[in-house]
N, C-alpha and C. Protein backbone atom coordinates (compact mmCIF):
# COMPACT_ATOMS: atom_id res chain seq x y z
N MET A 1 -48.64 49.69 -19.53
CA MET A 1 -48.19 48.80 -18.50
C MET A 1 -48.92 47.47 -18.64
N ASN A 2 -48.54 46.80 -19.71
CA ASN A 2 -49.22 45.56 -20.07
C ASN A 2 -48.99 44.44 -19.06
N LYS A 3 -47.78 44.33 -18.53
CA LYS A 3 -47.50 43.24 -17.59
C LYS A 3 -48.25 43.46 -16.28
N LEU A 4 -48.30 44.69 -15.81
CA LEU A 4 -49.06 45.00 -14.61
C LEU A 4 -50.52 44.61 -14.80
N ALA A 5 -51.12 45.04 -15.90
CA ALA A 5 -52.53 44.75 -16.15
C ALA A 5 -52.78 43.25 -16.28
N ALA A 6 -51.91 42.56 -16.99
CA ALA A 6 -52.10 41.12 -17.20
C ALA A 6 -51.95 40.34 -15.90
N LEU A 7 -50.95 40.68 -15.10
CA LEU A 7 -50.77 39.97 -13.83
C LEU A 7 -51.92 40.29 -12.87
N ALA A 8 -52.36 41.54 -12.84
CA ALA A 8 -53.49 41.89 -11.98
C ALA A 8 -54.74 41.10 -12.38
N GLN A 9 -55.01 41.03 -13.67
CA GLN A 9 -56.17 40.27 -14.15
C GLN A 9 -56.05 38.80 -13.74
N PHE A 10 -54.85 38.24 -13.87
CA PHE A 10 -54.60 36.86 -13.47
C PHE A 10 -54.89 36.67 -11.98
N LEU A 11 -54.41 37.60 -11.15
CA LEU A 11 -54.59 37.48 -9.70
C LEU A 11 -56.06 37.62 -9.30
N TYR A 12 -56.78 38.55 -9.95
CA TYR A 12 -58.21 38.67 -9.67
C TYR A 12 -58.93 37.37 -10.03
N ALA A 13 -58.57 36.77 -11.16
CA ALA A 13 -59.25 35.57 -11.64
C ALA A 13 -59.02 34.36 -10.73
N LEU A 14 -57.93 34.37 -9.96
CA LEU A 14 -57.68 33.26 -9.04
C LEU A 14 -58.77 33.14 -7.99
N ASP A 15 -59.38 34.27 -7.65
CA ASP A 15 -60.47 34.31 -6.68
C ASP A 15 -60.07 33.73 -5.32
N LEU A 16 -58.81 33.98 -4.93
CA LEU A 16 -58.36 33.52 -3.61
C LEU A 16 -58.97 34.37 -2.50
N VAL A 17 -59.14 35.66 -2.78
CA VAL A 17 -59.83 36.58 -1.87
C VAL A 17 -60.74 37.45 -2.73
N ALA A 18 -61.65 38.18 -2.10
CA ALA A 18 -62.56 39.06 -2.84
C ALA A 18 -61.77 40.11 -3.61
N SER A 19 -62.25 40.46 -4.79
CA SER A 19 -61.53 41.43 -5.62
C SER A 19 -61.39 42.78 -4.94
N GLU A 20 -62.31 43.11 -4.02
CA GLU A 20 -62.22 44.38 -3.29
C GLU A 20 -61.00 44.41 -2.37
N GLN A 21 -60.42 43.25 -2.09
CA GLN A 21 -59.26 43.17 -1.21
C GLN A 21 -57.94 43.26 -1.98
N ILE A 22 -58.00 43.38 -3.30
CA ILE A 22 -56.79 43.42 -4.12
C ILE A 22 -56.70 44.78 -4.81
N ASP A 23 -55.52 45.36 -4.76
CA ASP A 23 -55.28 46.61 -5.47
C ASP A 23 -53.96 46.50 -6.21
N ALA A 24 -53.86 47.15 -7.36
CA ALA A 24 -52.62 47.10 -8.15
C ALA A 24 -52.40 48.46 -8.80
N TRP A 25 -51.13 48.90 -8.82
CA TRP A 25 -50.78 50.17 -9.46
C TRP A 25 -49.29 50.18 -9.76
N ALA A 26 -48.86 51.22 -10.48
CA ALA A 26 -47.45 51.36 -10.85
C ALA A 26 -46.86 52.61 -10.21
N GLU A 27 -45.58 52.53 -9.86
CA GLU A 27 -44.83 53.66 -9.33
C GLU A 27 -43.43 53.63 -9.93
N ASP A 28 -42.70 54.71 -9.69
CA ASP A 28 -41.28 54.80 -10.08
C ASP A 28 -41.06 54.50 -11.56
N MET A 29 -41.88 55.12 -12.41
CA MET A 29 -41.76 54.86 -13.84
C MET A 29 -40.66 55.72 -14.45
N SER A 30 -39.92 55.11 -15.36
CA SER A 30 -38.94 55.85 -16.15
C SER A 30 -38.99 55.35 -17.59
N LEU A 31 -38.61 56.24 -18.51
CA LEU A 31 -38.60 55.90 -19.93
C LEU A 31 -37.17 56.00 -20.43
N VAL A 32 -36.75 55.00 -21.18
CA VAL A 32 -35.40 54.96 -21.72
C VAL A 32 -35.51 54.95 -23.25
N PRO A 33 -35.09 56.04 -23.92
CA PRO A 33 -35.14 56.06 -25.38
C PRO A 33 -34.32 54.91 -25.96
N ARG A 34 -34.86 54.27 -27.00
CA ARG A 34 -34.15 53.13 -27.59
C ARG A 34 -34.64 52.92 -29.01
N TYR A 35 -34.13 53.68 -29.92
CA TYR A 35 -34.54 53.53 -31.32
C TYR A 35 -33.88 52.27 -31.87
N GLN A 36 -34.71 51.27 -32.21
CA GLN A 36 -34.18 50.02 -32.76
C GLN A 36 -35.18 49.47 -33.77
N SER A 37 -34.69 49.21 -34.98
CA SER A 37 -35.54 48.64 -36.02
C SER A 37 -35.97 47.24 -35.61
N ARG A 38 -37.24 46.92 -35.85
CA ARG A 38 -37.76 45.60 -35.54
C ARG A 38 -37.64 44.65 -36.72
N GLY A 39 -37.28 45.16 -37.88
CA GLY A 39 -37.15 44.31 -39.05
C GLY A 39 -38.44 44.10 -39.81
N ASP A 40 -39.56 44.57 -39.26
CA ASP A 40 -40.85 44.42 -39.93
C ASP A 40 -41.42 45.78 -40.32
N GLY A 41 -40.55 46.79 -40.35
CA GLY A 41 -40.99 48.15 -40.63
C GLY A 41 -41.28 48.94 -39.37
N GLY A 42 -41.44 48.25 -38.26
CA GLY A 42 -41.69 48.91 -36.99
C GLY A 42 -40.40 49.27 -36.27
N VAL A 43 -40.54 50.03 -35.22
CA VAL A 43 -39.41 50.52 -34.44
C VAL A 43 -39.72 50.36 -32.96
N ILE A 44 -38.74 49.87 -32.19
CA ILE A 44 -38.85 49.92 -30.73
C ILE A 44 -38.41 51.33 -30.36
N LEU A 45 -39.32 52.13 -29.83
CA LEU A 45 -39.07 53.54 -29.58
C LEU A 45 -38.45 53.78 -28.21
N PHE A 46 -38.94 53.06 -27.20
CA PHE A 46 -38.40 53.24 -25.86
C PHE A 46 -38.72 52.04 -24.98
N GLU A 47 -38.03 51.97 -23.84
CA GLU A 47 -38.34 51.00 -22.79
C GLU A 47 -39.03 51.74 -21.66
N ARG A 48 -40.05 51.12 -21.11
CA ARG A 48 -40.75 51.67 -19.95
C ARG A 48 -40.40 50.78 -18.76
N TRP A 49 -39.83 51.37 -17.73
CA TRP A 49 -39.50 50.68 -16.49
C TRP A 49 -40.44 51.17 -15.40
N TYR A 50 -40.93 50.27 -14.58
CA TYR A 50 -41.79 50.68 -13.46
C TYR A 50 -41.82 49.59 -12.40
N THR A 51 -42.25 49.99 -11.23
CA THR A 51 -42.47 49.04 -10.15
C THR A 51 -43.97 48.82 -10.02
N ALA A 52 -44.38 47.57 -10.16
CA ALA A 52 -45.78 47.19 -10.00
C ALA A 52 -46.02 46.82 -8.54
N TRP A 53 -47.07 47.37 -7.99
CA TRP A 53 -47.46 47.10 -6.61
C TRP A 53 -48.75 46.30 -6.62
N PHE A 54 -48.78 45.22 -5.85
CA PHE A 54 -49.97 44.40 -5.68
C PHE A 54 -50.21 44.28 -4.18
N VAL A 55 -51.35 44.79 -3.73
CA VAL A 55 -51.67 44.77 -2.30
C VAL A 55 -52.89 43.88 -2.08
N PHE A 56 -52.76 42.99 -1.12
CA PHE A 56 -53.83 42.08 -0.73
C PHE A 56 -54.19 42.41 0.71
N GLU A 57 -55.34 43.04 0.90
CA GLU A 57 -55.76 43.45 2.24
C GLU A 57 -56.51 42.30 2.91
N ARG A 58 -56.26 42.18 4.20
CA ARG A 58 -56.96 41.19 5.04
C ARG A 58 -56.82 39.76 4.50
N TRP A 59 -55.58 39.41 4.12
CA TRP A 59 -55.31 38.05 3.64
C TRP A 59 -55.53 37.06 4.79
N PRO A 60 -56.35 36.03 4.60
CA PRO A 60 -56.63 35.06 5.67
C PRO A 60 -55.50 34.03 5.79
N HIS A 61 -54.39 34.45 6.38
CA HIS A 61 -53.18 33.62 6.38
C HIS A 61 -53.32 32.31 7.14
N GLN A 62 -54.30 32.19 8.00
CA GLN A 62 -54.53 30.91 8.67
C GLN A 62 -55.29 29.93 7.79
N ASN A 63 -56.03 30.46 6.82
CA ASN A 63 -56.85 29.61 5.94
C ASN A 63 -56.23 29.37 4.57
N ILE A 64 -55.48 30.37 4.07
CA ILE A 64 -54.87 30.25 2.74
C ILE A 64 -53.38 30.54 2.88
N ASP A 65 -52.58 29.53 2.68
CA ASP A 65 -51.12 29.66 2.77
C ASP A 65 -50.64 30.70 1.76
N VAL A 66 -49.88 31.68 2.23
CA VAL A 66 -49.38 32.73 1.34
C VAL A 66 -48.50 32.16 0.24
N ASP A 67 -47.90 31.01 0.46
CA ASP A 67 -47.07 30.39 -0.58
C ASP A 67 -47.89 29.98 -1.80
N ILE A 68 -49.19 29.77 -1.63
CA ILE A 68 -50.04 29.49 -2.79
C ILE A 68 -50.08 30.73 -3.69
N LEU A 69 -50.31 31.89 -3.09
CA LEU A 69 -50.32 33.14 -3.86
C LEU A 69 -48.97 33.39 -4.50
N LEU A 70 -47.90 33.26 -3.73
CA LEU A 70 -46.56 33.54 -4.26
C LEU A 70 -46.19 32.56 -5.37
N SER A 71 -46.61 31.33 -5.25
CA SER A 71 -46.35 30.35 -6.31
C SER A 71 -47.08 30.73 -7.59
N HIS A 72 -48.32 31.18 -7.47
CA HIS A 72 -49.06 31.65 -8.65
C HIS A 72 -48.33 32.81 -9.32
N ILE A 73 -47.84 33.75 -8.52
CA ILE A 73 -47.12 34.90 -9.08
C ILE A 73 -45.85 34.45 -9.79
N MET A 74 -45.10 33.56 -9.18
CA MET A 74 -43.85 33.10 -9.79
C MET A 74 -44.11 32.31 -11.08
N VAL A 75 -45.14 31.48 -11.08
CA VAL A 75 -45.49 30.72 -12.29
C VAL A 75 -45.89 31.69 -13.40
N TRP A 76 -46.66 32.74 -13.06
CA TRP A 76 -47.04 33.74 -14.06
C TRP A 76 -45.80 34.42 -14.63
N LEU A 77 -44.87 34.81 -13.76
CA LEU A 77 -43.64 35.47 -14.22
C LEU A 77 -42.83 34.56 -15.14
N LEU A 78 -42.68 33.31 -14.77
CA LEU A 78 -41.92 32.37 -15.61
C LEU A 78 -42.56 32.19 -16.98
N ALA A 79 -43.89 32.18 -17.02
CA ALA A 79 -44.59 31.97 -18.28
C ALA A 79 -44.72 33.24 -19.12
N ASN A 80 -44.82 34.40 -18.46
CA ASN A 80 -45.15 35.63 -19.17
C ASN A 80 -44.05 36.68 -19.21
N ASP A 81 -42.99 36.48 -18.46
CA ASP A 81 -41.88 37.43 -18.45
C ASP A 81 -40.56 36.66 -18.37
N PRO A 82 -40.35 35.72 -19.31
CA PRO A 82 -39.18 34.84 -19.22
C PRO A 82 -37.85 35.55 -19.47
N GLU A 83 -37.89 36.75 -20.02
CA GLU A 83 -36.66 37.47 -20.34
C GLU A 83 -36.24 38.42 -19.23
N ARG A 84 -36.71 38.22 -18.02
CA ARG A 84 -36.34 39.11 -16.91
C ARG A 84 -34.83 39.20 -16.82
N ASP A 85 -34.33 40.39 -16.59
CA ASP A 85 -32.89 40.65 -16.63
C ASP A 85 -32.46 41.34 -15.35
N ARG A 86 -31.99 40.57 -14.38
CA ARG A 86 -31.56 41.13 -13.10
C ARG A 86 -30.40 42.11 -13.26
N ASP A 87 -29.52 41.85 -14.23
CA ASP A 87 -28.38 42.73 -14.43
C ASP A 87 -28.81 44.12 -14.87
N ARG A 88 -29.98 44.24 -15.44
CA ARG A 88 -30.46 45.54 -15.91
C ARG A 88 -31.51 46.12 -14.99
N GLY A 89 -31.74 45.55 -13.83
CA GLY A 89 -32.64 46.16 -12.87
C GLY A 89 -33.97 45.48 -12.64
N GLU A 90 -34.25 44.42 -13.36
CA GLU A 90 -35.50 43.70 -13.11
C GLU A 90 -35.27 42.76 -11.94
N THR A 91 -35.50 43.27 -10.77
CA THR A 91 -35.22 42.53 -9.55
C THR A 91 -36.27 41.45 -9.30
N ASP A 92 -35.93 40.54 -8.42
CA ASP A 92 -36.89 39.52 -8.02
C ASP A 92 -38.03 40.18 -7.25
N PRO A 93 -39.20 39.57 -7.27
CA PRO A 93 -40.32 40.13 -6.51
C PRO A 93 -39.97 40.23 -5.02
N GLU A 94 -40.51 41.26 -4.39
CA GLU A 94 -40.34 41.43 -2.95
C GLU A 94 -41.71 41.40 -2.30
N ILE A 95 -41.75 40.90 -1.07
CA ILE A 95 -43.02 40.83 -0.35
C ILE A 95 -42.86 41.45 1.02
N ASP A 96 -43.89 42.16 1.44
CA ASP A 96 -43.95 42.74 2.78
C ASP A 96 -45.24 42.24 3.42
N VAL A 97 -45.13 41.76 4.64
CA VAL A 97 -46.28 41.21 5.35
C VAL A 97 -46.52 42.03 6.61
N ASP A 98 -47.75 42.49 6.78
CA ASP A 98 -48.14 43.22 7.98
C ASP A 98 -49.24 42.40 8.66
N ILE A 99 -48.86 41.70 9.74
CA ILE A 99 -49.82 40.86 10.47
C ILE A 99 -50.80 41.76 11.20
N LEU A 100 -52.09 41.59 10.92
CA LEU A 100 -53.12 42.40 11.57
C LEU A 100 -53.63 41.75 12.85
N ASP A 101 -53.80 40.43 12.81
CA ASP A 101 -54.21 39.67 13.99
C ASP A 101 -53.88 38.20 13.73
N ASN A 102 -54.43 37.31 14.53
CA ASN A 102 -54.12 35.88 14.39
C ASN A 102 -54.61 35.28 13.08
N ASN A 103 -55.54 35.95 12.41
CA ASN A 103 -56.13 35.39 11.20
C ASN A 103 -55.84 36.17 9.92
N LEU A 104 -55.57 37.47 10.04
CA LEU A 104 -55.48 38.32 8.86
C LEU A 104 -54.14 39.05 8.77
N ALA A 105 -53.74 39.29 7.53
CA ALA A 105 -52.51 40.05 7.27
C ALA A 105 -52.70 40.84 5.98
N ASP A 106 -52.02 41.97 5.90
CA ASP A 106 -51.94 42.71 4.64
C ASP A 106 -50.64 42.30 3.96
N LEU A 107 -50.73 41.93 2.68
CA LEU A 107 -49.55 41.52 1.91
C LEU A 107 -49.31 42.54 0.81
N THR A 108 -48.06 42.90 0.62
CA THR A 108 -47.68 43.78 -0.48
C THR A 108 -46.58 43.09 -1.28
N VAL A 109 -46.81 42.92 -2.57
CA VAL A 109 -45.82 42.33 -3.47
C VAL A 109 -45.43 43.41 -4.47
N THR A 110 -44.11 43.64 -4.61
CA THR A 110 -43.63 44.60 -5.60
C THR A 110 -42.73 43.88 -6.60
N ILE A 111 -42.90 44.25 -7.87
CA ILE A 111 -42.14 43.63 -8.95
C ILE A 111 -41.70 44.72 -9.91
N ARG A 112 -40.43 44.74 -10.25
CA ARG A 112 -39.89 45.70 -11.22
C ARG A 112 -40.05 45.12 -12.62
N PHE A 113 -40.72 45.86 -13.50
CA PHE A 113 -40.96 45.41 -14.87
C PHE A 113 -40.29 46.33 -15.88
N ARG A 114 -39.96 45.75 -17.03
CA ARG A 114 -39.47 46.49 -18.20
C ARG A 114 -40.31 46.06 -19.39
N GLU A 115 -40.79 47.05 -20.14
CA GLU A 115 -41.58 46.75 -21.33
C GLU A 115 -41.08 47.61 -22.49
N GLU A 116 -41.01 47.02 -23.65
CA GLU A 116 -40.67 47.77 -24.85
C GLU A 116 -41.93 48.36 -25.45
N VAL A 117 -41.83 49.60 -25.93
CA VAL A 117 -42.95 50.25 -26.60
C VAL A 117 -42.50 50.57 -28.02
N GLY A 118 -43.28 50.10 -28.97
CA GLY A 118 -42.91 50.26 -30.37
C GLY A 118 -43.94 51.04 -31.15
N ILE A 119 -43.52 51.47 -32.33
CA ILE A 119 -44.43 52.12 -33.26
C ILE A 119 -44.28 51.46 -34.63
N VAL A 120 -45.38 51.48 -35.38
CA VAL A 120 -45.38 50.93 -36.73
C VAL A 120 -46.00 51.96 -37.67
N PRO A 121 -45.56 51.98 -38.93
CA PRO A 121 -46.14 52.93 -39.87
C PRO A 121 -47.65 52.71 -40.02
N ASP A 122 -48.38 53.82 -40.04
CA ASP A 122 -49.83 53.76 -40.19
C ASP A 122 -50.29 55.14 -40.65
N ALA A 123 -50.81 55.23 -41.86
CA ALA A 123 -51.22 56.52 -42.41
C ALA A 123 -52.22 57.24 -41.52
N ALA A 124 -52.99 56.49 -40.73
CA ALA A 124 -53.97 57.09 -39.82
C ALA A 124 -53.44 57.19 -38.39
N GLY A 125 -52.16 56.91 -38.19
CA GLY A 125 -51.58 56.92 -36.85
C GLY A 125 -51.55 58.30 -36.22
N ALA A 126 -51.52 58.33 -34.90
CA ALA A 126 -51.56 59.58 -34.14
C ALA A 126 -50.19 60.22 -33.96
N ILE A 127 -49.12 59.51 -34.29
CA ILE A 127 -47.76 60.00 -34.02
C ILE A 127 -47.09 60.35 -35.34
N GLU A 128 -46.49 61.54 -35.38
CA GLU A 128 -45.71 61.93 -36.55
C GLU A 128 -44.24 61.83 -36.20
N TYR A 129 -43.49 61.09 -37.02
CA TYR A 129 -42.07 60.87 -36.76
C TYR A 129 -41.37 60.60 -38.08
N GLN A 130 -40.26 61.24 -38.31
CA GLN A 130 -39.46 61.06 -39.52
C GLN A 130 -40.28 61.21 -40.80
N GLY A 131 -41.18 62.20 -40.79
CA GLY A 131 -41.95 62.51 -41.98
C GLY A 131 -43.09 61.57 -42.31
N GLN A 132 -43.44 60.67 -41.41
CA GLN A 132 -44.58 59.79 -41.66
C GLN A 132 -45.40 59.60 -40.39
N ARG A 133 -46.56 58.98 -40.53
CA ARG A 133 -47.48 58.73 -39.41
C ARG A 133 -47.25 57.32 -38.88
N TRP A 134 -47.38 57.20 -37.56
CA TRP A 134 -47.15 55.93 -36.87
C TRP A 134 -48.25 55.71 -35.84
N ARG A 135 -48.41 54.46 -35.45
CA ARG A 135 -49.28 54.12 -34.31
C ARG A 135 -48.48 53.28 -33.33
N VAL A 136 -48.86 53.35 -32.07
CA VAL A 136 -48.19 52.57 -31.03
C VAL A 136 -48.62 51.12 -31.17
N GLU A 137 -47.65 50.22 -31.05
CA GLU A 137 -47.94 48.79 -31.12
C GLU A 137 -46.93 48.07 -30.24
N THR A 138 -47.43 47.20 -29.38
CA THR A 138 -46.54 46.41 -28.54
C THR A 138 -45.74 45.46 -29.42
N PRO A 139 -44.42 45.52 -29.32
CA PRO A 139 -43.60 44.64 -30.16
C PRO A 139 -43.89 43.17 -29.89
N ALA A 140 -44.03 42.40 -30.95
CA ALA A 140 -44.18 40.95 -30.82
C ALA A 140 -42.81 40.34 -30.57
N VAL A 141 -42.79 39.28 -29.81
CA VAL A 141 -41.54 38.56 -29.56
C VAL A 141 -41.55 37.31 -30.41
N TRP A 142 -40.55 37.18 -31.27
CA TRP A 142 -40.43 36.02 -32.15
C TRP A 142 -39.13 35.31 -31.82
N PRO A 143 -39.14 34.38 -30.88
CA PRO A 143 -37.90 33.68 -30.53
C PRO A 143 -37.44 32.79 -31.68
N ALA A 144 -36.14 32.70 -31.82
CA ALA A 144 -35.57 31.84 -32.86
C ALA A 144 -35.81 30.38 -32.50
N GLU A 145 -36.18 29.60 -33.48
CA GLU A 145 -36.36 28.17 -33.27
C GLU A 145 -35.13 27.39 -33.67
N ALA A 146 -34.29 27.99 -34.47
CA ALA A 146 -33.03 27.37 -34.89
C ALA A 146 -32.11 28.47 -35.37
N GLY A 147 -30.83 28.18 -35.40
CA GLY A 147 -29.89 29.18 -35.87
C GLY A 147 -28.48 28.63 -35.90
N GLU A 148 -27.60 29.41 -36.53
CA GLU A 148 -26.19 29.05 -36.61
C GLU A 148 -25.35 30.24 -36.22
N ILE A 149 -24.25 29.97 -35.59
CA ILE A 149 -23.28 31.00 -35.29
C ILE A 149 -22.06 30.72 -36.13
N ALA A 150 -21.69 31.69 -36.96
CA ALA A 150 -20.55 31.49 -37.86
C ALA A 150 -19.27 31.96 -37.21
């Protein structure tokens, strides 16, 4: 769950609230088999879908505008998950606010993520598949810089 970990690390580093007030985890995980050659000898083996939960306890909503936090999250998504696909279930982030008193609120942000998990040949790899050894490797994304459609 690379996106969950990366976004959580980003949110902790913002230091908007104490790290003890932030929690992150995944729920509703599903795996979708998807054998697809990557062209570099590797294979995309499956897609991992999950809902990432980010909880901010005792958010000081009178001192720190929640839109600052939400803007940071959206900027991170635009920069780090530009291929989000609503048609395939990657919904927009949702937020739930529980007002505790005039100064504090608990915020919950949920985001549906999809990640590809790939394997590459490796004689010392832990996975045996199609008569050879493989290791898990996150597929690199190589966007085209130019192209032609015939």
